[in-house]
Amino acid sequence: MTPPTFYSPAWMTAALLTAGVYNLAWGTWTVLFPTLSFAYSGMQQPDKPLLYPQLWQGIGMIVGVYGIAYILAARDPVAHWEIVFVGFLGKVFGPIGLAFGVLTGESRPEALATIVPNDLIWWVPFALILRHAYRVHRTPRPAVGDP
């Protein structure tokens, strides 16, 4: 049985497709070029190289998988609101963790620049998609077979 398709404004699909492509690109770049992407992220200390590139590549893999999920959710943002919700949580908690790292001296302040394209710009569209999904799911629907 196919899940129901709900109306979603076209911008929601566009936002999720854009987020998906962006995350796939960022994740792929991080997996293929871990040292370069780590240095670009502002997280590398001037006197310390990237010691465990496979961990940074693992983060890139996770980001890329999120990209695939966003592309899948773009087909029906309301039906796939859970994917948007998990992505939204990551885009909120990631910057909180990075800010904590900067405040404790574990991360460089330059690293905060990466949260704008990776996280902050997605807060509003993801939140609006979630609000729309909540409203749609709250609306009563006739039972199957009702006239």
N, C-alpha and C. Protein backbone atom coordinates (compact mmCIF):
# COMPACT_ATOMS: atom_id res chain seq x y z
N MET A 1 0.84 -1.17 0.00
CA MET A 1 0.00 0.00 0.00
C MET A 1 0.89 1.24 0.00
N THR A 2 0.58 2.17 -0.84
CA THR A 2 1.36 3.41 -0.94
C THR A 2 0.91 4.39 0.14
N PRO A 3 1.88 5.04 0.82
CA PRO A 3 1.48 6.01 1.82
C PRO A 3 0.78 7.20 1.16
N PRO A 4 -0.10 7.87 1.90
CA PRO A 4 -0.81 9.00 1.30
C PRO A 4 0.15 10.13 0.97
N THR A 5 -0.18 10.86 -0.06
CA THR A 5 0.59 12.03 -0.43
C THR A 5 -0.17 13.25 0.06
N PHE A 6 0.54 14.14 0.72
CA PHE A 6 -0.07 15.34 1.27
C PHE A 6 0.41 16.54 0.48
N TYR A 7 -0.42 17.56 0.44
CA TYR A 7 -0.02 18.79 -0.25
C TYR A 7 1.09 19.47 0.54
N SER A 8 2.12 19.84 -0.17
CA SER A 8 3.20 20.65 0.38
C SER A 8 3.55 21.71 -0.65
N PRO A 9 3.76 22.95 -0.23
CA PRO A 9 4.19 23.97 -1.18
C PRO A 9 5.48 23.55 -1.88
N ALA A 10 5.64 23.96 -3.11
CA ALA A 10 6.80 23.56 -3.92
C ALA A 10 8.12 23.97 -3.29
N TRP A 11 8.13 25.08 -2.55
CA TRP A 11 9.39 25.52 -1.95
C TRP A 11 9.93 24.49 -0.96
N MET A 12 9.05 23.70 -0.35
CA MET A 12 9.50 22.69 0.61
C MET A 12 10.29 21.59 -0.10
N THR A 13 9.77 21.17 -1.23
CA THR A 13 10.49 20.18 -2.03
C THR A 13 11.82 20.74 -2.49
N ALA A 14 11.80 21.98 -2.96
CA ALA A 14 13.04 22.62 -3.43
C ALA A 14 14.05 22.75 -2.29
N ALA A 15 13.59 23.13 -1.11
CA ALA A 15 14.50 23.28 0.03
C ALA A 15 15.14 21.95 0.41
N LEU A 16 14.34 20.88 0.43
CA LEU A 16 14.89 19.58 0.79
C LEU A 16 15.82 19.03 -0.28
N LEU A 17 15.48 19.26 -1.55
CA LEU A 17 16.39 18.84 -2.63
C LEU A 17 17.71 19.60 -2.55
N THR A 18 17.62 20.90 -2.29
CA THR A 18 18.84 21.71 -2.17
C THR A 18 19.68 21.26 -0.98
N ALA A 19 19.03 21.03 0.15
CA ALA A 19 19.74 20.53 1.33
C ALA A 19 20.37 19.18 1.04
N GLY A 20 19.65 18.33 0.32
CA GLY A 20 20.18 17.02 -0.01
C GLY A 20 21.41 17.08 -0.89
N VAL A 21 21.33 17.89 -1.93
CA VAL A 21 22.48 18.03 -2.84
C VAL A 21 23.66 18.65 -2.10
N TYR A 22 23.39 19.67 -1.30
CA TYR A 22 24.47 20.32 -0.53
C TYR A 22 25.14 19.31 0.41
N ASN A 23 24.33 18.56 1.16
CA ASN A 23 24.91 17.60 2.09
C ASN A 23 25.67 16.49 1.37
N LEU A 24 25.14 16.04 0.24
CA LEU A 24 25.89 15.04 -0.54
C LEU A 24 27.22 15.60 -1.01
N ALA A 25 27.23 16.83 -1.47
CA ALA A 25 28.47 17.45 -1.94
C ALA A 25 29.46 17.62 -0.79
N TRP A 26 28.99 18.16 0.32
CA TRP A 26 29.88 18.37 1.48
C TRP A 26 30.40 17.03 2.00
N GLY A 27 29.52 16.06 2.12
CA GLY A 27 29.92 14.75 2.60
C GLY A 27 30.93 14.07 1.68
N THR A 28 30.68 14.14 0.38
CA THR A 28 31.60 13.53 -0.59
C THR A 28 32.96 14.20 -0.52
N TRP A 29 32.97 15.53 -0.47
CA TRP A 29 34.23 16.28 -0.38
C TRP A 29 35.00 15.88 0.87
N THR A 30 34.30 15.73 1.98
CA THR A 30 34.94 15.39 3.24
C THR A 30 35.49 13.96 3.21
N VAL A 31 34.77 13.05 2.59
CA VAL A 31 35.25 11.67 2.50
C VAL A 31 36.47 11.58 1.57
N LEU A 32 36.41 12.26 0.44
CA LEU A 32 37.49 12.16 -0.55
C LEU A 32 38.73 12.98 -0.18
N PHE A 33 38.53 14.10 0.49
CA PHE A 33 39.63 15.01 0.81
C PHE A 33 39.56 15.42 2.29
N PRO A 34 39.76 14.47 3.19
CA PRO A 34 39.56 14.79 4.61
C PRO A 34 40.49 15.88 5.15
N THR A 35 41.74 15.86 4.77
CA THR A 35 42.67 16.85 5.29
C THR A 35 42.32 18.25 4.79
N LEU A 36 42.00 18.35 3.51
CA LEU A 36 41.65 19.65 2.93
C LEU A 36 40.34 20.18 3.52
N SER A 37 39.33 19.33 3.62
CA SER A 37 38.05 19.79 4.16
C SER A 37 38.15 20.13 5.65
N PHE A 38 38.98 19.40 6.38
CA PHE A 38 39.18 19.70 7.80
C PHE A 38 39.86 21.05 7.97
N ALA A 39 40.87 21.31 7.16
CA ALA A 39 41.55 22.61 7.22
C ALA A 39 40.59 23.73 6.83
N TYR A 40 39.79 23.51 5.79
CA TYR A 40 38.82 24.52 5.34
C TYR A 40 37.78 24.81 6.41
N SER A 41 37.43 23.79 7.19
CA SER A 41 36.38 23.94 8.20
C SER A 41 36.80 24.87 9.33
N GLY A 42 38.08 25.19 9.42
CA GLY A 42 38.56 26.05 10.49
C GLY A 42 38.81 25.31 11.78
N MET A 43 38.70 24.00 11.76
CA MET A 43 38.87 23.23 12.99
C MET A 43 40.32 22.82 13.23
N GLN A 44 41.13 22.86 12.20
CA GLN A 44 42.51 22.40 12.36
C GLN A 44 43.33 23.42 13.13
N GLN A 45 44.04 22.95 14.13
CA GLN A 45 44.95 23.81 14.88
C GLN A 45 46.20 24.03 14.02
N PRO A 46 46.77 25.24 14.04
CA PRO A 46 47.93 25.51 13.18
C PRO A 46 49.10 24.56 13.39
N ASP A 47 49.30 24.11 14.62
CA ASP A 47 50.46 23.26 14.91
C ASP A 47 50.12 21.76 14.95
N LYS A 48 48.88 21.40 14.61
CA LYS A 48 48.48 20.00 14.68
C LYS A 48 47.82 19.56 13.38
N PRO A 49 48.31 18.48 12.79
CA PRO A 49 47.63 17.96 11.60
C PRO A 49 46.38 17.17 12.01
N LEU A 50 45.60 16.80 11.04
CA LEU A 50 44.44 15.94 11.28
C LEU A 50 44.98 14.55 11.61
N LEU A 51 44.83 14.14 12.87
CA LEU A 51 45.43 12.88 13.32
C LEU A 51 44.65 11.64 12.88
N TYR A 52 43.34 11.74 12.86
CA TYR A 52 42.51 10.58 12.52
C TYR A 52 41.57 10.94 11.38
N PRO A 53 42.08 10.95 10.15
CA PRO A 53 41.22 11.36 9.03
C PRO A 53 40.00 10.47 8.86
N GLN A 54 40.09 9.21 9.27
CA GLN A 54 38.94 8.31 9.11
C GLN A 54 37.76 8.77 9.97
N LEU A 55 38.00 9.42 11.09
CA LEU A 55 36.89 9.94 11.90
C LEU A 55 36.22 11.11 11.18
N TRP A 56 37.02 11.99 10.59
CA TRP A 56 36.47 13.11 9.82
C TRP A 56 35.73 12.57 8.60
N GLN A 57 36.26 11.53 7.97
CA GLN A 57 35.58 10.91 6.84
C GLN A 57 34.26 10.29 7.29
N GLY A 58 34.23 9.74 8.49
CA GLY A 58 32.98 9.19 9.03
C GLY A 58 31.92 10.27 9.19
N ILE A 59 32.33 11.45 9.63
CA ILE A 59 31.39 12.57 9.70
C ILE A 59 30.90 12.92 8.31
N GLY A 60 31.81 12.92 7.34
CA GLY A 60 31.42 13.19 5.96
C GLY A 60 30.42 12.17 5.44
N MET A 61 30.61 10.91 5.81
CA MET A 61 29.68 9.87 5.39
C MET A 61 28.30 10.12 5.98
N ILE A 62 28.26 10.49 7.26
CA ILE A 62 26.98 10.77 7.91
C ILE A 62 26.28 11.95 7.23
N VAL A 63 27.03 13.00 6.94
CA VAL A 63 26.46 14.17 6.26
C VAL A 63 25.91 13.77 4.89
N GLY A 64 26.65 12.94 4.16
CA GLY A 64 26.18 12.48 2.86
C GLY A 64 24.92 11.63 2.95
N VAL A 65 24.83 10.79 3.97
CA VAL A 65 23.63 9.97 4.16
C VAL A 65 22.43 10.86 4.48
N TYR A 66 22.64 11.89 5.28
CA TYR A 66 21.56 12.86 5.50
C TYR A 66 21.11 13.46 4.17
N GLY A 67 22.06 13.73 3.29
CA GLY A 67 21.71 14.27 1.97
C GLY A 67 20.77 13.35 1.21
N ILE A 68 21.07 12.07 1.23
CA ILE A 68 20.19 11.10 0.57
C ILE A 68 18.81 11.13 1.21
N ALA A 69 18.77 11.18 2.53
CA ALA A 69 17.48 11.21 3.24
C ALA A 69 16.67 12.44 2.87
N TYR A 70 17.31 13.61 2.78
CA TYR A 70 16.59 14.83 2.42
C TYR A 70 16.01 14.72 1.00
N ILE A 71 16.78 14.14 0.10
CA ILE A 71 16.30 13.97 -1.28
C ILE A 71 15.07 13.05 -1.29
N LEU A 72 15.12 11.98 -0.51
CA LEU A 72 13.96 11.08 -0.42
C LEU A 72 12.76 11.79 0.21
N ALA A 73 13.00 12.57 1.25
CA ALA A 73 11.91 13.28 1.93
C ALA A 73 11.29 14.35 1.04
N ALA A 74 12.04 14.85 0.09
CA ALA A 74 11.54 15.92 -0.79
C ALA A 74 10.34 15.46 -1.61
N ARG A 75 10.20 14.16 -1.83
CA ARG A 75 9.04 13.65 -2.60
C ARG A 75 7.73 13.94 -1.90
N ASP A 76 7.74 13.93 -0.57
CA ASP A 76 6.53 14.21 0.21
C ASP A 76 6.97 14.65 1.61
N PRO A 77 7.28 15.94 1.77
CA PRO A 77 7.80 16.43 3.05
C PRO A 77 6.89 16.16 4.24
N VAL A 78 5.59 16.17 4.04
CA VAL A 78 4.66 15.94 5.16
C VAL A 78 4.70 14.47 5.58
N ALA A 79 4.66 13.57 4.63
CA ALA A 79 4.70 12.14 4.95
C ALA A 79 6.04 11.74 5.57
N HIS A 80 7.10 12.44 5.20
CA HIS A 80 8.45 12.10 5.67
C HIS A 80 8.96 13.13 6.67
N TRP A 81 8.06 13.66 7.47
CA TRP A 81 8.44 14.70 8.42
C TRP A 81 9.48 14.21 9.42
N GLU A 82 9.50 12.91 9.70
CA GLU A 82 10.47 12.39 10.67
C GLU A 82 11.91 12.61 10.19
N ILE A 83 12.14 12.46 8.90
CA ILE A 83 13.47 12.71 8.34
C ILE A 83 13.83 14.18 8.53
N VAL A 84 12.89 15.06 8.25
CA VAL A 84 13.13 16.49 8.42
C VAL A 84 13.41 16.80 9.89
N PHE A 85 12.68 16.16 10.79
CA PHE A 85 12.85 16.39 12.22
C PHE A 85 14.24 15.97 12.69
N VAL A 86 14.68 14.79 12.29
CA VAL A 86 16.01 14.31 12.68
C VAL A 86 17.08 15.24 12.10
N GLY A 87 16.91 15.66 10.85
CA GLY A 87 17.85 16.61 10.26
C GLY A 87 17.86 17.93 11.00
N PHE A 88 16.68 18.41 11.37
CA PHE A 88 16.57 19.67 12.13
C PHE A 88 17.32 19.55 13.46
N LEU A 89 17.14 18.43 14.15
CA LEU A 89 17.85 18.24 15.41
C LEU A 89 19.36 18.29 15.21
N GLY A 90 19.84 17.62 14.17
CA GLY A 90 21.27 17.65 13.89
C GLY A 90 21.77 19.05 13.59
N LYS A 91 20.95 19.82 12.90
CA LYS A 91 21.34 21.18 12.51
C LYS A 91 21.22 22.16 13.67
N VAL A 92 20.54 21.77 14.74
CA VAL A 92 20.50 22.59 15.96
C VAL A 92 21.61 22.14 16.92
N PHE A 93 21.72 20.83 17.16
CA PHE A 93 22.69 20.34 18.13
C PHE A 93 24.13 20.44 17.65
N GLY A 94 24.36 20.33 16.35
CA GLY A 94 25.72 20.46 15.82
C GLY A 94 26.34 21.81 16.17
N PRO A 95 25.67 22.92 15.87
CA PRO A 95 26.21 24.23 16.24
C PRO A 95 26.36 24.42 17.76
N ILE A 96 25.44 23.84 18.53
CA ILE A 96 25.57 23.95 19.99
C ILE A 96 26.86 23.26 20.44
N GLY A 97 27.12 22.08 19.91
CA GLY A 97 28.34 21.36 20.25
C GLY A 97 29.59 22.11 19.82
N LEU A 98 29.54 22.69 18.63
CA LEU A 98 30.70 23.44 18.14
C LEU A 98 30.91 24.70 18.98
N ALA A 99 29.83 25.39 19.32
CA ALA A 99 29.95 26.59 20.17
C ALA A 99 30.55 26.22 21.53
N PHE A 100 30.12 25.09 22.07
CA PHE A 100 30.69 24.62 23.33
C PHE A 100 32.19 24.37 23.17
N GLY A 101 32.57 23.75 22.05
CA GLY A 101 33.99 23.51 21.79
C GLY A 101 34.79 24.80 21.70
N VAL A 102 34.22 25.81 21.10
CA VAL A 102 34.91 27.11 21.01
C VAL A 102 35.02 27.73 22.40
N LEU A 103 33.94 27.69 23.17
CA LEU A 103 33.95 28.28 24.51
C LEU A 103 34.95 27.60 25.45
N THR A 104 35.15 26.30 25.26
CA THR A 104 36.10 25.57 26.12
C THR A 104 37.51 25.56 25.55
N GLY A 105 37.69 26.15 24.37
CA GLY A 105 39.02 26.20 23.77
C GLY A 105 39.40 24.97 22.99
N GLU A 106 38.50 24.02 22.83
CA GLU A 106 38.78 22.80 22.08
C GLU A 106 38.69 23.02 20.57
N SER A 107 37.90 23.98 20.16
CA SER A 107 37.74 24.29 18.73
C SER A 107 38.11 25.75 18.51
N ARG A 108 38.55 26.03 17.31
CA ARG A 108 38.92 27.41 16.97
C ARG A 108 37.66 28.20 16.60
N PRO A 109 37.62 29.49 16.93
CA PRO A 109 36.47 30.32 16.57
C PRO A 109 36.19 30.34 15.07
N GLU A 110 37.23 30.18 14.25
CA GLU A 110 37.06 30.18 12.80
C GLU A 110 36.11 29.07 12.35
N ALA A 111 36.03 28.01 13.13
CA ALA A 111 35.17 26.88 12.78
C ALA A 111 33.70 27.27 12.79
N LEU A 112 33.34 28.31 13.53
CA LEU A 112 31.94 28.73 13.60
C LEU A 112 31.41 29.18 12.24
N ALA A 113 32.29 29.61 11.34
CA ALA A 113 31.84 30.05 10.01
C ALA A 113 31.17 28.91 9.24
N THR A 114 31.56 27.68 9.51
CA THR A 114 30.99 26.55 8.76
C THR A 114 29.55 26.26 9.15
N ILE A 115 29.11 26.73 10.33
CA ILE A 115 27.74 26.41 10.74
C ILE A 115 26.70 27.21 9.96
N VAL A 116 27.13 28.30 9.33
CA VAL A 116 26.15 29.08 8.55
C VAL A 116 25.64 28.26 7.37
N PRO A 117 26.50 27.80 6.45
CA PRO A 117 25.97 27.03 5.31
C PRO A 117 25.57 25.60 5.69
N ASN A 118 26.21 25.04 6.70
CA ASN A 118 25.92 23.65 7.05
C ASN A 118 24.67 23.50 7.92
N ASP A 119 24.35 24.52 8.69
CA ASP A 119 23.28 24.36 9.67
C ASP A 119 22.29 25.53 9.73
N LEU A 120 22.78 26.71 10.02
CA LEU A 120 21.88 27.83 10.32
C LEU A 120 20.90 28.17 9.21
N ILE A 121 21.35 28.14 7.96
CA ILE A 121 20.44 28.52 6.87
C ILE A 121 19.29 27.53 6.70
N TRP A 122 19.40 26.34 7.30
CA TRP A 122 18.36 25.32 7.16
C TRP A 122 17.36 25.36 8.32
N TRP A 123 17.63 26.13 9.36
CA TRP A 123 16.72 26.15 10.51
C TRP A 123 15.32 26.60 10.12
N VAL A 124 15.21 27.71 9.41
CA VAL A 124 13.89 28.25 9.08
C VAL A 124 13.12 27.33 8.13
N PRO A 125 13.71 26.91 6.99
CA PRO A 125 12.91 26.03 6.11
C PRO A 125 12.53 24.71 6.78
N PHE A 126 13.44 24.10 7.53
CA PHE A 126 13.10 22.84 8.18
C PHE A 126 12.01 23.06 9.23
N ALA A 127 12.11 24.14 10.00
CA ALA A 127 11.09 24.43 11.02
C ALA A 127 9.73 24.68 10.37
N LEU A 128 9.71 25.39 9.25
CA LEU A 128 8.44 25.64 8.56
C LEU A 128 7.84 24.37 7.97
N ILE A 129 8.70 23.48 7.48
CA ILE A 129 8.21 22.19 6.97
C ILE A 129 7.60 21.39 8.13
N LEU A 130 8.27 21.38 9.27
CA LEU A 130 7.75 20.65 10.43
C LEU A 130 6.43 21.25 10.92
N ARG A 131 6.34 22.57 10.92
CA ARG A 131 5.08 23.21 11.33
C ARG A 131 3.95 22.83 10.38
N HIS A 132 4.25 22.85 9.08
CA HIS A 132 3.25 22.47 8.07
C HIS A 132 2.81 21.02 8.27
N ALA A 133 3.77 20.13 8.48
CA ALA A 133 3.45 18.71 8.69
C ALA A 133 2.59 18.53 9.94
N TYR A 134 2.92 19.24 10.98
CA TYR A 134 2.14 19.16 12.22
C TYR A 134 0.69 19.58 11.97
N ARG A 135 0.52 20.69 11.27
CA ARG A 135 -0.83 21.18 10.97
C ARG A 135 -1.61 20.20 10.10
N VAL A 136 -0.94 19.64 9.11
CA VAL A 136 -1.62 18.68 8.22
C VAL A 136 -2.04 17.44 9.01
N HIS A 137 -1.15 16.93 9.84
CA HIS A 137 -1.46 15.71 10.60
C HIS A 137 -2.50 15.95 11.70
N ARG A 138 -2.68 17.17 12.12
CA ARG A 138 -3.71 17.51 13.12
C ARG A 138 -5.09 17.61 12.50
N THR A 139 -5.15 17.88 11.20
CA THR A 139 -6.44 18.06 10.53
C THR A 139 -7.17 16.73 10.45
N PRO A 140 -8.41 16.67 10.95
CA PRO A 140 -9.16 15.41 10.87
C PRO A 140 -9.45 15.03 9.42
N ARG A 141 -9.37 13.73 9.14
CA ARG A 141 -9.66 13.22 7.81
C ARG A 141 -10.77 12.19 7.90
N PRO A 142 -11.57 12.11 6.86
CA PRO A 142 -12.61 11.08 6.87
C PRO A 142 -11.97 9.69 6.84
N ALA A 143 -12.62 8.76 7.48
CA ALA A 143 -12.13 7.38 7.49
C ALA A 143 -12.26 6.80 6.09
N VAL A 144 -11.45 5.79 5.81
CA VAL A 144 -11.50 5.12 4.52
C VAL A 144 -12.89 4.53 4.33
N GLY A 145 -13.50 4.80 3.20
CA GLY A 145 -14.83 4.29 2.90
C GLY A 145 -15.95 5.26 3.25
N ASP A 146 -15.62 6.34 4.00
CA ASP A 146 -16.65 7.35 4.29
C ASP A 146 -16.93 8.17 3.04
N PRO A 147 -18.19 8.58 2.88
CA PRO A 147 -18.52 9.39 1.69
C PRO A 147 -17.95 10.79 1.76
